PDB file of N, CA and C in Angstrom:
ATOM      1  N   MET A   1      20.454 166.439  40.685  1.00  0.00           N
ATOM      2  CA  MET A   1      19.444 165.852  39.852  1.00  0.00           C
ATOM      3  C   MET A   1      18.686 166.946  39.090  1.00  0.00           C
ATOM      4  N   ILE A   2      18.417 168.078  39.740  1.00  0.00           N
ATOM      5  CA  ILE A   2      17.712 169.176  39.072  1.00  0.00           C
ATOM      6  C   ILE A   2      18.486 169.633  37.847  1.00  0.00           C
ATOM      7  N   ASN A   3      19.817 169.765  37.960  1.00  0.00           N
ATOM      8  CA  ASN A   3      20.612 170.222  36.827  1.00  0.00           C
ATOM      9  C   ASN A   3      20.572 169.239  35.669  1.00  0.00           C
ATOM     10  N   ASP A   4      20.518 167.942  35.945  1.00  0.00           N
ATOM     11  CA  ASP A   4      20.402 166.955  34.880  1.00  0.00           C
ATOM     12  C   ASP A   4      19.071 167.108  34.152  1.00  0.00           C
ATOM     13  N   ILE A   5      18.006 167.333  34.895  1.00  0.00           N
ATOM     14  CA  ILE A   5      16.689 167.559  34.279  1.00  0.00           C
ATOM     15  C   ILE A   5      16.722 168.827  33.441  1.00  0.00           C
ATOM     16  N   LEU A   6      17.287 169.914  33.991  1.00  0.00           N
ATOM     17  CA  LEU A   6      17.367 171.175  33.244  1.00  0.00           C
ATOM     18  C   LEU A   6      18.186 171.017  31.970  1.00  0.00           C
ATOM     19  N   SER A   7      19.240 170.216  32.009  1.00  0.00           N
ATOM     20  CA  SER A   7      20.098 170.051  30.835  1.00  0.00           C
ATOM     21  C   SER A   7      19.379 169.353  29.687  1.00  0.00           C
ATOM     22  N   ARG A   8      18.395 168.524  30.012  1.00  0.00           N
ATOM     23  CA  ARG A   8      17.650 167.788  28.980  1.00  0.00           C
ATOM     24  C   ARG A   8      16.378 168.517  28.541  1.00  0.00           C
ATOM     25  N   ALA A   9      16.009 169.567  29.239  1.00  0.00           N
ATOM     26  CA  ALA A   9      14.781 170.311  28.923  1.00  0.00           C
ATOM     27  C   ALA A   9      15.080 171.357  27.856  1.00  0.00           C
ATOM     28  N   THR A  10      15.419 170.893  26.661  1.00  0.00           N
ATOM     29  CA  THR A  10      15.829 171.802  25.593  1.00  0.00           C
ATOM     30  C   THR A  10      14.718 172.117  24.597  1.00  0.00           C
ATOM     31  N   LYS A  11      13.657 171.343  24.608  1.00  0.00           N
ATOM     32  CA  LYS A  11      12.553 171.605  23.685  1.00  0.00           C
ATOM     33  C   LYS A  11      11.945 172.965  24.017  1.00  0.00           C
ATOM     34  N   GLY A  12      11.833 173.817  23.015  1.00  0.00           N
ATOM     35  CA  GLY A  12      11.271 175.143  23.214  1.00  0.00           C
ATOM     36  C   GLY A  12      12.283 176.198  23.625  1.00  0.00           C
ATOM     37  N   GLN A  13      13.544 175.792  23.836  1.00  0.00           N
ATOM     38  CA  GLN A  13      14.553 176.801  24.138  1.00  0.00           C
ATOM     39  C   GLN A  13      14.757 177.687  22.914  1.00  0.00           C
ATOM     40  N   PRO A  14      15.139 178.933  23.131  1.00  0.00           N
ATOM     41  CA  PRO A  14      15.348 179.830  21.993  1.00  0.00           C
ATOM     42  C   PRO A  14      16.572 179.445  21.171  1.00  0.00           C
ATOM     43  N   VAL A  15      16.612 179.942  19.955  1.00  0.00           N
ATOM     44  CA  VAL A  15      17.797 179.787  19.109  1.00  0.00           C
ATOM     45  C   VAL A  15      18.880 180.672  19.719  1.00  0.00           C
ATOM     46  N   PRO A  16      20.085 180.136  19.938  1.00  0.00           N
ATOM     47  CA  PRO A  16      21.117 180.937  20.608  1.00  0.00           C
ATOM     48  C   PRO A  16      21.549 182.141  19.779  1.00  0.00           C
ATOM     49  N   GLU A  17      21.767 183.254  20.469  1.00  0.00           N
ATOM     50  CA  GLU A  17      22.245 184.490  19.851  1.00  0.00           C
ATOM     51  C   GLU A  17      23.318 185.094  20.749  1.00  0.00           C
ATOM     52  N   VAL A  18      24.251 185.796  20.139  1.00  0.00           N
ATOM     53  CA  VAL A  18      25.276 186.492  20.908  1.00  0.00           C
ATOM     54  C   VAL A  18      24.589 187.503  21.826  1.00  0.00           C
ATOM     55  N   GLY A  19      24.995 187.523  23.086  1.00  0.00           N
ATOM     56  CA  GLY A  19      24.422 188.426  24.075  1.00  0.00           C
ATOM     57  C   GLY A  19      23.331 187.792  24.917  1.00  0.00           C
ATOM     58  N   MET A  20      22.843 186.638  24.502  1.00  0.00           N
ATOM     59  CA  MET A  20      21.773 185.945  25.230  1.00  0.00           C
ATOM     60  C   MET A  20      22.324 185.333  26.515  1.00  0.00           C
ATOM     61  N   GLY A  21      21.495 185.302  27.547  1.00  0.00           N
ATOM     62  CA  GLY A  21      21.873 184.683  28.807  1.00  0.00           C
ATOM     63  C   GLY A  21      21.894 183.174  28.694  1.00  0.00           C
ATOM     64  N   ALA A  22      22.685 182.555  29.565  1.00  0.00           N
ATOM     65  CA  ALA A  22      22.793 181.099  29.629  1.00  0.00           C
ATOM     66  C   ALA A  22      23.148 180.711  31.060  1.00  0.00           C
ATOM     67  N   THR A  23      22.966 179.435  31.360  1.00  0.00           N
ATOM     68  CA  THR A  23      23.319 178.919  32.673  1.00  0.00           C
ATOM     69  C   THR A  23      24.192 177.688  32.503  1.00  0.00           C
ATOM     70  N   ILE A  24      25.383 177.732  33.100  1.00  0.00           N
ATOM     71  CA  ILE A  24      26.281 176.582  33.109  1.00  0.00           C
ATOM     72  C   ILE A  24      25.805 175.658  34.220  1.00  0.00           C
ATOM     73  N   LEU A  25      25.498 174.416  33.869  1.00  0.00           N
ATOM     74  CA  LEU A  25      24.970 173.436  34.820  1.00  0.00           C
ATOM     75  C   LEU A  25      26.080 172.491  35.240  1.00  0.00           C
ATOM     76  N   MET A  26      26.492 172.625  36.488  1.00  0.00           N
ATOM     77  CA  MET A  26      27.518 171.752  37.053  1.00  0.00           C
ATOM     78  C   MET A  26      26.801 170.530  37.642  1.00  0.00           C
ATOM     79  N   VAL A  27      27.477 169.753  38.469  1.00  0.00           N
ATOM     80  CA  VAL A  27      26.836 168.602  39.095  1.00  0.00           C
ATOM     81  C   VAL A  27      25.646 169.060  39.930  1.00  0.00           C
ATOM     82  N   SER A  28      25.852 170.026  40.825  1.00  0.00           N
ATOM     83  CA  SER A  28      24.732 170.536  41.621  1.00  0.00           C
ATOM     84  C   SER A  28      24.676 172.059  41.655  1.00  0.00           C
ATOM     85  N   ASP A  29      25.734 172.743  41.257  1.00  0.00           N
ATOM     86  CA  ASP A  29      25.743 174.207  41.211  1.00  0.00           C
ATOM     87  C   ASP A  29      25.360 174.689  39.819  1.00  0.00           C
ATOM     88  N   ARG A  30      24.948 175.958  39.749  1.00  0.00           N
ATOM     89  CA  ARG A  30      24.647 176.618  38.478  1.00  0.00           C
ATOM     90  C   ARG A  30      25.351 177.964  38.443  1.00  0.00           C
ATOM     91  N   HIS A  31      25.824 178.365  37.252  1.00  0.00           N
ATOM     92  CA  HIS A  31      26.533 179.635  37.110  1.00  0.00           C
ATOM     93  C   HIS A  31      26.022 180.394  35.889  1.00  0.00           C
ATOM     94  N   ALA A  32      25.756 181.682  36.096  1.00  0.00           N
ATOM     95  CA  ALA A  32      25.263 182.543  35.024  1.00  0.00           C
ATOM     96  C   ALA A  32      26.362 182.829  34.008  1.00  0.00           C
ATOM     97  N   ALA A  33      25.957 182.931  32.744  1.00  0.00           N
ATOM     98  CA  ALA A  33      26.900 183.204  31.662  1.00  0.00           C
ATOM     99  C   ALA A  33      26.187 183.959  30.545  1.00  0.00           C
ATOM    100  N   THR A  34      26.987 184.452  29.607  1.00  0.00           N
ATOM    101  CA  THR A  34      26.475 185.135  28.421  1.00  0.00           C
ATOM    102  C   THR A  34      27.071 184.467  27.187  1.00  0.00           C
ATOM    103  N   ILE A  35      26.250 184.253  26.170  1.00  0.00           N
ATOM    104  CA  ILE A  35      26.733 183.701  24.898  1.00  0.00           C
ATOM    105  C   ILE A  35      27.548 184.781  24.194  1.00  0.00           C
ATOM    106  N   VAL A  36      28.813 184.466  23.864  1.00  0.00           N
ATOM    107  CA  VAL A  36      29.692 185.430  23.208  1.00  0.00           C
ATOM    108  C   VAL A  36      29.999 185.052  21.758  1.00  0.00           C
ATOM    109  N   GLU A  37      29.633 183.821  21.364  1.00  0.00           N
ATOM    110  CA  GLU A  37      29.866 183.393  19.981  1.00  0.00           C
ATOM    111  C   GLU A  37      28.932 182.233  19.661  1.00  0.00           C
ATOM    112  N   VAL A  38      28.390 182.232  18.447  1.00  0.00           N
ATOM    113  CA  VAL A  38      27.576 181.127  17.933  1.00  0.00           C
ATOM    114  C   VAL A  38      28.214 180.706  16.618  1.00  0.00           C
ATOM    115  N   PHE A  39      28.475 179.409  16.452  1.00  0.00           N
ATOM    116  CA  PHE A  39      29.102 178.928  15.225  1.00  0.00           C
ATOM    117  C   PHE A  39      28.675 177.491  14.952  1.00  0.00           C
ATOM    118  N   GLY A  40      29.018 176.990  13.794  1.00  0.00           N
ATOM    119  CA  GLY A  40      28.674 175.626  13.418  1.00  0.00           C
ATOM    120  C   GLY A  40      29.874 174.711  13.479  1.00  0.00           C
ATOM    121  N   ILE A  41      29.608 173.463  13.841  1.00  0.00           N
ATOM    122  CA  ILE A  41      30.597 172.392  13.745  1.00  0.00           C
ATOM    123  C   ILE A  41      29.891 171.315  12.936  1.00  0.00           C
ATOM    124  N   GLY A  42      30.231 171.233  11.658  1.00  0.00           N
ATOM    125  CA  GLY A  42      29.476 170.350  10.769  1.00  0.00           C
ATOM    126  C   GLY A  42      28.036 170.846  10.715  1.00  0.00           C
ATOM    127  N   LYS A  43      27.087 169.959  10.992  1.00  0.00           N
ATOM    128  CA  LYS A  43      25.665 170.319  10.992  1.00  0.00           C
ATOM    129  C   LYS A  43      25.182 170.779  12.364  1.00  0.00           C
ATOM    130  N   ALA A  44      26.042 170.689  13.376  1.00  0.00           N
ATOM    131  CA  ALA A  44      25.645 171.026  14.748  1.00  0.00           C
ATOM    132  C   ALA A  44      25.909 172.501  15.051  1.00  0.00           C
ATOM    133  N   THR A  45      25.098 173.048  15.953  1.00  0.00           N
ATOM    134  CA  THR A  45      25.302 174.404  16.445  1.00  0.00           C
ATOM    135  C   THR A  45      26.163 174.347  17.693  1.00  0.00           C
ATOM    136  N   ALA A  46      27.096 175.277  17.793  1.00  0.00           N
ATOM    137  CA  ALA A  46      27.955 175.384  18.969  1.00  0.00           C
ATOM    138  C   ALA A  46      27.926 176.823  19.468  1.00  0.00           C
ATOM    139  N   VAL A  47      28.152 176.984  20.759  1.00  0.00           N
ATOM    140  CA  VAL A  47      28.203 178.315  21.362  1.00  0.00           C
ATOM    141  C   VAL A  47      29.395 178.394  22.301  1.00  0.00           C
ATOM    142  N   LYS A  48      29.961 179.592  22.383  1.00  0.00           N
ATOM    143  CA  LYS A  48      30.967 179.882  23.402  1.00  0.00           C
ATOM    144  C   LYS A  48      30.297 180.815  24.393  1.00  0.00           C
ATOM    145  N   VAL A  49      30.414 180.496  25.678  1.00  0.00           N
ATOM    146  CA  VAL A  49      29.838 181.339  26.726  1.00  0.00           C
ATOM    147  C   VAL A  49      30.936 181.846  27.641  1.00  0.00           C
ATOM    148  N   ARG A  50      30.678 183.000  28.241  1.00  0.00           N
ATOM    149  CA  ARG A  50      31.593 183.583  29.219  1.00  0.00           C
ATOM    150  C   ARG A  50      30.836 183.764  30.522  1.00  0.00           C
ATOM    151  N   ARG A  51      31.430 183.304  31.610  1.00  0.00           N
ATOM    152  CA  ARG A  51      30.780 183.384  32.912  1.00  0.00           C
ATOM    153  C   ARG A  51      30.571 184.838  33.328  1.00  0.00           C
ATOM    154  N   ASP A  52      29.402 185.113  33.899  1.00  0.00           N
ATOM    155  CA  ASP A  52      29.040 186.442  34.365  1.00  0.00           C
ATOM    156  C   ASP A  52      29.416 186.628  35.832  1.00  0.00           C
ATOM    157  N   ILE A  53      29.361 187.865  36.281  1.00  0.00           N
ATOM    158  CA  ILE A  53      29.504 188.182  37.698  1.00  0.00           C
ATOM    159  C   ILE A  53      28.108 188.128  38.299  1.00  0.00           C
ATOM    160  N   ALA A  54      27.954 187.351  39.364  1.00  0.00           N
ATOM    161  CA  ALA A  54      26.668 187.228  40.060  1.00  0.00           C
ATOM    162  C   ALA A  54      26.843 187.807  41.465  1.00  0.00           C
ATOM    163  N   THR A  55      26.030 188.824  41.768  1.00  0.00           N
ATOM    164  CA  THR A  55      26.106 189.486  43.065  1.00  0.00           C
ATOM    165  C   THR A  55      24.825 189.208  43.840  1.00  0.00           C
ATOM    166  N   VAL A  56      24.965 188.743  45.074  1.00  0.00           N
ATOM    167  CA  VAL A  56      23.790 188.484  45.916  1.00  0.00           C
ATOM    168  C   VAL A  56      23.135 189.816  46.266  1.00  0.00           C
ATOM    169  N   VAL A  57      21.833 189.943  45.968  1.00  0.00           N
ATOM    170  CA  VAL A  57      21.097 191.167  46.303  1.00  0.00           C
ATOM    171  C   VAL A  57      20.129 190.953  47.461  1.00  0.00           C
ATOM    172  N   SER A  58      19.786 189.700  47.733  1.00  0.00           N
ATOM    173  CA  SER A  58      18.988 189.375  48.920  1.00  0.00           C
ATOM    174  C   SER A  58      19.153 187.897  49.227  1.00  0.00           C
ATOM    175  N   GLY A  59      18.871 187.528  50.475  1.00  0.00           N
ATOM    176  CA  GLY A  59      19.011 186.136  50.888  1.00  0.00           C
ATOM    177  C   GLY A  59      20.466 185.775  51.131  1.00  0.00           C
ATOM    178  N   LEU A  60      20.693 184.490  51.297  1.00  0.00           N
ATOM    179  CA  LEU A  60      22.030 183.988  51.600  1.00  0.00           C
ATOM    180  C   LEU A  60      22.461 182.963  50.556  1.00  0.00           C
ATOM    181  N   ARG A  61      23.700 183.076  50.121  1.00  0.00           N
ATOM    182  CA  ARG A  61      24.236 182.185  49.084  1.00  0.00           C
ATOM    183  C   ARG A  61      24.267 180.730  49.544  1.00  0.00           C
ATOM    184  N   HIS A  62      24.638 180.481  50.783  1.00  0.00           N
ATOM    185  CA  HIS A  62      24.889 179.108  51.215  1.00  0.00           C
ATOM    186  C   HIS A  62      23.683 178.380  51.782  1.00  0.00           C
ATOM    187  N   ASP A  63      22.520 179.006  51.808  1.00  0.00           N
ATOM    188  CA  ASP A  63      21.332 178.255  52.232  1.00  0.00           C
ATOM    189  C   ASP A  63      20.324 178.119  51.095  1.00  0.00           C
ATOM    190  N   GLY A  64      20.712 178.576  49.894  1.00  0.00           N
ATOM    191  CA  GLY A  64      19.850 178.438  48.729  1.00  0.00           C
ATOM    192  C   GLY A  64      18.811 179.530  48.571  1.00  0.00           C
ATOM    193  N   SER A  65      18.800 180.539  49.467  1.00  0.00           N
ATOM    194  CA  SER A  65      17.772 181.580  49.394  1.00  0.00           C
ATOM    195  C   SER A  65      18.219 182.821  48.616  1.00  0.00           C
ATOM    196  N   ALA A  66      19.440 182.828  48.116  1.00  0.00           N
ATOM    197  CA  ALA A  66      19.987 184.020  47.470  1.00  0.00           C
ATOM    198  C   ALA A  66      19.261 184.359  46.171  1.00  0.00           C
ATOM    199  N   GLU A  67      19.088 185.663  45.959  1.00  0.00           N
ATOM    200  CA  GLU A  67      18.661 186.208  44.673  1.00  0.00           C
ATOM    201  C   GLU A  67      19.828 187.033  44.168  1.00  0.00           C
ATOM    202  N   TYR A  68      20.050 187.013  42.859  1.00  0.00           N
ATOM    203  CA  TYR A  68      21.251 187.590  42.282  1.00  0.00           C
ATOM    204  C   TYR A  68      20.946 188.667  41.258  1.00  0.00           C
ATOM    205  N   ALA A  69      21.897 189.592  41.129  1.00  0.00           N
ATOM    206  CA  ALA A  69      21.957 190.521  40.001  1.00  0.00           C
ATOM    207  C   ALA A  69      23.152 190.071  39.166  1.00  0.00           C
ATOM    208  N   PHE A  70      23.022 190.152  37.842  1.00  0.00           N
ATOM    209  CA  PHE A  70      24.069 189.656  36.953  1.00  0.00           C
ATOM    210  C   PHE A  70      24.630 190.790  36.111  1.00  0.00           C
ATOM    211  N   GLU A  71      25.934 190.713  35.879  1.00  0.00           N
ATOM    212  CA  GLU A  71      26.571 191.637  34.947  1.00  0.00           C
ATOM    213  C   GLU A  71      27.643 190.872  34.178  1.00  0.00           C
ATOM    214  N   ARG A  72      27.883 191.310  32.974  1.00  0.00           N
ATOM    215  CA  ARG A  72      28.888 190.643  32.147  1.00  0.00           C
ATOM    216  C   ARG A  72      30.275 190.855  32.723  1.00  0.00           C
ATOM    217  N   ASP A  73      31.122 189.849  32.544  1.00  0.00           N
ATOM    218  CA  ASP A  73      32.496 189.897  33.023  1.00  0.00           C
ATOM    219  C   ASP A  73      33.417 189.702  31.827  1.00  0.00           C
ATOM    220  N   PRO A  74      34.060 190.785  31.338  1.00  0.00           N
ATOM    221  CA  PRO A  74      34.940 190.633  30.169  1.00  0.00           C
ATOM    222  C   PRO A  74      36.133 189.716  30.435  1.00  0.00           C
ATOM    223  N   GLU A  75      36.431 189.446  31.699  1.00  0.00           N
ATOM    224  CA  GLU A  75      37.534 188.569  32.080  1.00  0.00           C
ATOM    225  C   GLU A  75      37.036 187.176  32.484  1.00  0.00           C
ATOM    226  N   GLY A  76      35.733 186.919  32.363  1.00  0.00           N
ATOM    227  CA  GLY A  76      35.144 185.668  32.832  1.00  0.00           C
ATOM    228  C   GLY A  76      35.656 184.444  32.087  1.00  0.00           C
ATOM    229  N   MET A  77      35.598 183.304  32.773  1.00  0.00           N
ATOM    230  CA  MET A  77      36.029 182.040  32.188  1.00  0.00           C
ATOM    231  C   MET A  77      35.118 181.680  31.009  1.00  0.00           C
ATOM    232  N   GLU A  78      35.697 181.175  29.941  1.00  0.00           N
ATOM    233  CA  GLU A  78      34.929 180.788  28.765  1.00  0.00           C
ATOM    234  C   GLU A  78      34.867 179.273  28.631  1.00  0.00           C
ATOM    235  N   ARG A  79      33.715 178.795  28.160  1.00  0.00           N
ATOM    236  CA  ARG A  79      33.501 177.382  27.858  1.00  0.00           C
ATOM    237  C   ARG A  79      32.761 177.295  26.528  1.00  0.00           C
ATOM    238  N   THR A  80      32.914 176.160  25.845  1.00  0.00           N
ATOM    239  CA  THR A  80      32.272 175.950  24.556  1.00  0.00           C
ATOM    240  C   THR A  80      31.369 174.728  24.651  1.00  0.00           C
ATOM    241  N   TYR A  81      30.184 174.823  24.026  1.00  0.00           N
ATOM    242  CA  TYR A  81      29.186 173.752  24.073  1.00  0.00           C
ATOM    243  C   TYR A  81      28.651 173.475  22.676  1.00  0.00           C
ATOM    244  N   LYS A  82      28.293 172.219  22.448  1.00  0.00           N
ATOM    245  CA  LYS A  82      27.674 171.798  21.185  1.00  0.00           C
ATOM    246  C   LYS A  82      26.360 171.104  21.515  1.00  0.00           C
ATOM    247  N   PHE A  83      25.337 171.397  20.721  1.00  0.00           N
ATOM    248  CA  PHE A  83      24.048 170.746  20.935  1.00  0.00           C
ATOM    249  C   PHE A  83      24.079 169.386  20.254  1.00  0.00           C
ATOM    250  N   ASP A  84      23.814 168.319  21.035  1.00  0.00           N
ATOM    251  CA  ASP A  84      23.888 166.957  20.488  1.00  0.00           C
ATOM    252  C   ASP A  84      22.516 166.384  20.141  1.00  0.00           C
ATOM    253  N   GLY A  85      21.494 167.237  20.129  1.00  0.00           N
ATOM    254  CA  GLY A  85      20.136 166.783  19.839  1.00  0.00           C
ATOM    255  C   GLY A  85      19.318 166.549  21.095  1.00  0.00           C
ATOM    256  N   VAL A  86      19.980 166.412  22.235  1.00  0.00           N
ATOM    257  CA  VAL A  86      19.319 166.192  23.521  1.00  0.00           C
ATOM    258  C   VAL A  86      19.688 167.298  24.505  1.00  0.00           C
ATOM    259  N   ARG A  87      20.981 167.608  24.574  1.00  0.00           N
ATOM    260  CA  ARG A  87      21.460 168.613  25.526  1.00  0.00           C
ATOM    261  C   ARG A  87      22.667 169.343  24.946  1.00  0.00           C
ATOM    262  N   TRP A  88      23.008 170.457  25.572  1.00  0.00           N
ATOM    263  CA  TRP A  88      24.226 171.189  25.236  1.00  0.00           C
ATOM    264  C   TRP A  88      25.358 170.578  26.053  1.00  0.00           C
ATOM    265  N   ARG A  89      26.349 170.009  25.360  1.00  0.00           N
ATOM    266  CA  ARG A  89      27.464 169.330  26.037  1.00  0.00           C
ATOM    267  C   ARG A  89      28.741 170.139  25.845  1.00  0.00           C
ATOM    268  N   GLU A  90      29.534 170.200  26.911  1.00  0.00           N
ATOM    269  CA  GLU A  90      30.790 170.937  26.843  1.00  0.00           C
ATOM    270  C   GLU A  90      31.762 170.219  25.915  1.00  0.00           C
ATOM    271  N   ILE A  91      32.452 171.001  25.099  1.00  0.00           N
ATOM    272  CA  ILE A  91      33.452 170.455  24.170  1.00  0.00           C
ATOM    273  C   ILE A  91      34.739 171.264  24.279  1.00  0.00           C
ATOM    274  N   ARG A  92      35.800 170.664  23.825  1.00  0.00           N
ATOM    275  CA  ARG A  92      37.103 171.320  23.815  1.00  0.00           C
ATOM    276  C   ARG A  92      37.851 170.825  22.586  1.00  0.00           C
ATOM    277  N   ARG A  93      38.635 171.701  21.987  1.00  0.00           N
ATOM    278  CA  ARG A  93      39.411 171.299  20.804  1.00  0.00           C
ATOM    279  C   ARG A  93      40.696 170.595  21.242  1.00  0.00           C
ATOM    280  N   ASN A  94      40.938 169.408  20.683  1.00  0.00           N
ATOM    281  CA  ASN A  94      42.154 168.652  20.949  1.00  0.00           C
ATOM    282  C   ASN A  94      43.315 169.372  20.259  1.00  0.00           C
ATOM    283  N   ALA A  95      44.325 169.761  21.025  1.00  0.00           N
ATOM    284  CA  ALA A  95      45.450 170.527  20.488  1.00  0.00           C
ATOM    285  C   ALA A  95      46.237 169.754  19.435  1.00  0.00           C
ATOM    286  N   GLU A  96      46.309 168.451  19.564  1.00  0.00           N
ATOM    287  CA  GLU A  96      47.100 167.648  18.627  1.00  0.00           C
ATOM    288  C   GLU A  96      46.360 167.368  17.327  1.00  0.00           C
ATOM    289  N   THR A  97      45.069 167.025  17.418  1.00  0.00           N
ATOM    290  CA  THR A  97      44.326 166.622  16.224  1.00  0.00           C
ATOM    291  C   THR A  97      43.464 167.741  15.641  1.00  0.00           C
ATOM    292  N   GLY A  98      43.163 168.765  16.449  1.00  0.00           N
ATOM    293  CA  GLY A  98      42.290 169.834  15.985  1.00  0.00           C
ATOM    294  C   GLY A  98      40.813 169.472  16.037  1.00  0.00           C
ATOM    295  N   ARG A  99      40.514 168.240  16.463  1.00  0.00           N
ATOM    296  CA  ARG A  99      39.121 167.789  16.527  1.00  0.00           C
ATOM    297  C   ARG A  99      38.487 168.214  17.849  1.00  0.00           C
ATOM    298  N   TRP A 100      37.162 168.390  17.805  1.00  0.00           N
ATOM    299  CA  TRP A 100      36.417 168.727  19.015  1.00  0.00           C
ATOM    300  C   TRP A 100      36.112 167.447  19.779  1.00  0.00           C
ATOM    301  N   ILE A 101      36.330 167.470  21.098  1.00  0.00           N
ATOM    302  CA  ILE A 101      36.028 166.319  21.940  1.00  0.00           C
ATOM    303  C   ILE A 101      35.054 166.742  23.035  1.00  0.00           C
ATOM    304  N   ILE A 102      34.217 165.815  23.447  1.00  0.00           N
ATOM    305  CA  ILE A 102      33.220 166.087  24.488  1.00  0.00           C
ATOM    306  C   ILE A 102      33.886 165.991  25.858  1.00  0.00           C
ATOM    307  N   ILE A 103      33.593 166.984  26.687  1.00  0.00           N
ATOM    308  CA  ILE A 103      34.031 167.012  28.078  1.00  0.00           C
ATOM    309  C   ILE A 103      32.774 166.879  28.917  1.00  0.00           C
ATOM    310  N   ASP A 104      32.661 165.861  29.717  1.00  0.00           N
ATOM    311  CA  ASP A 104      31.421 165.614  30.451  1.00  0.00           C
ATOM    312  C   ASP A 104      31.327 166.326  31.785  1.00  0.00           C
ATOM    313  N   ASN A 105      32.045 167.441  31.953  1.00  0.00           N
ATOM    314  CA  ASN A 105      32.012 168.162  33.221  1.00  0.00           C
ATOM    315  C   ASN A 105      30.726 168.956  33.423  1.00  0.00           C
ATOM    316  N   THR A 106      30.258 169.595  32.376  1.00  0.00           N
ATOM    317  CA  THR A 106      29.115 170.499  32.511  1.00  0.00           C
ATOM    318  C   THR A 106      28.199 170.390  31.309  1.00  0.00           C
ATOM    319  N   SER A 107      26.992 170.933  31.468  1.00  0.00           N
ATOM    320  CA  SER A 107      26.093 171.120  30.336  1.00  0.00           C
ATOM    321  C   SER A 107      25.586 172.556  30.418  1.00  0.00           C
ATOM    322  N   LEU A 108      24.696 172.926  29.513  1.00  0.00           N
ATOM    323  CA  LEU A 108      24.291 174.324  29.383  1.00  0.00           C
ATOM    324  C   LEU A 108      22.806 174.433  29.175  1.00  0.00           C
ATOM    325  N   ARG A 109      22.226 175.475  29.730  1.00  0.00           N
ATOM    326  CA  ARG A 109      20.836 175.843  29.458  1.00  0.00           C
ATOM    327  C   ARG A 109      20.879 177.250  28.884  1.00  0.00           C
ATOM    328  N   ILE A 110      20.290 177.440  27.721  1.00  0.00           N
ATOM    329  CA  ILE A 110      20.334 178.763  27.102  1.00  0.00           C
ATOM    330  C   ILE A 110      19.009 179.493  27.302  1.00  0.00           C
ATOM    331  N   GLY A 111      19.081 180.820  27.242  1.00  0.00           N
ATOM    332  CA  GLY A 111      17.889 181.651  27.310  1.00  0.00           C
ATOM    333  C   GLY A 111      17.634 182.290  28.656  1.00  0.00           C
ATOM    334  N   SER A 112      18.350 181.852  29.699  1.00  0.00           N
ATOM    335  CA  SER A 112      18.159 182.467  31.017  1.00  0.00           C
ATOM    336  C   SER A 112      19.422 182.297  31.854  1.00  0.00           C
ATOM    337  N   ARG A 113      19.597 183.214  32.796  1.00  0.00           N
ATOM    338  CA  ARG A 113      20.737 183.143  33.710  1.00  0.00           C
ATOM    339  C   ARG A 113      20.256 182.663  35.067  1.00  0.00           C
ATOM    340  N   SER A 114      21.059 181.818  35.700  1.00  0.00           N
ATOM    341  CA  SER A 114      20.744 181.337  37.037  1.00  0.00           C
ATOM    342  C   SER A 114      22.049 181.104  37.781  1.00  0.00           C
ATOM    343  N   GLU A 115      22.031 181.349  39.071  1.00  0.00           N
ATOM    344  CA  GLU A 115      23.187 181.097  39.926  1.00  0.00           C
ATOM    345  C   GLU A 115      22.677 180.343  41.138  1.00  0.00           C
ATOM    346  N   TYR A 116      23.369 179.280  41.507  1.00  0.00           N
ATOM    347  CA  TYR A 116      22.962 178.494  42.660  1.00  0.00           C
ATOM    348  C   TYR A 116      24.164 177.725  43.182  1.00  0.00           C
ATOM    349  N   TYR A 117      24.365 177.784  44.479  1.00  0.00           N
ATOM    350  CA  TYR A 117      25.411 177.012  45.144  1.00  0.00           C
ATOM    351  C   TYR A 117      24.743 176.015  46.059  1.00  0.00           C
ATOM    352  N   ASP A 118      25.003 174.750  45.839  1.00  0.00           N
ATOM    353  CA  ASP A 118      24.392 173.697  46.653  1.00  0.00           C
ATOM    354  C   ASP A 118      24.919 173.795  48.081  1.00  0.00           C
ATOM    355  N   PRO A 119      24.048 174.067  49.055  1.00  0.00           N
ATOM    356  CA  PRO A 119      24.519 174.258  50.424  1.00  0.00           C
ATOM    357  C   PRO A 119      24.997 172.962  51.089  1.00  0.00           C
ATOM    358  N   SER A 120      24.764 171.807  50.482  1.00  0.00           N
ATOM    359  CA  SER A 120      25.178 170.553  51.110  1.00  0.00           C
ATOM    360  C   SER A 120      26.634 170.195  50.815  1.00  0.00           C
ATOM    361  N   PHE A 121      27.304 171.016  50.005  1.00  0.00           N
ATOM    362  CA  PHE A 121      28.724 170.747  49.695  1.00  0.00           C
ATOM    363  C   PHE A 121      29.617 171.771  50.321  1.00  0.00           C
TER     364      PHE A 121
END
């Protein structure tokens, strides 16, 4: 539920820039990322992010007490998001039509990095 609230809290977020931190919001987990590309799709803004390496520096990952240090990962998984006026939604290009389609797996929060693993799963 927290990630759904964070995904909709876009008012006042910064304008995305290459190199800016971001957080990939899963159902209950969060993963740190870096914006590697900003581009337009029609009138909408889109960003490509690459997942960062998150290293626990204190606390424990599986009880929610972990604090992390982040570093860029040149080999990290990439995802693309488009701002729909409410939230950043994951999109993917359809190989057959070339059109962008919405993938409802994740959303994005820009301007900060966060890592969290839900200990109940």
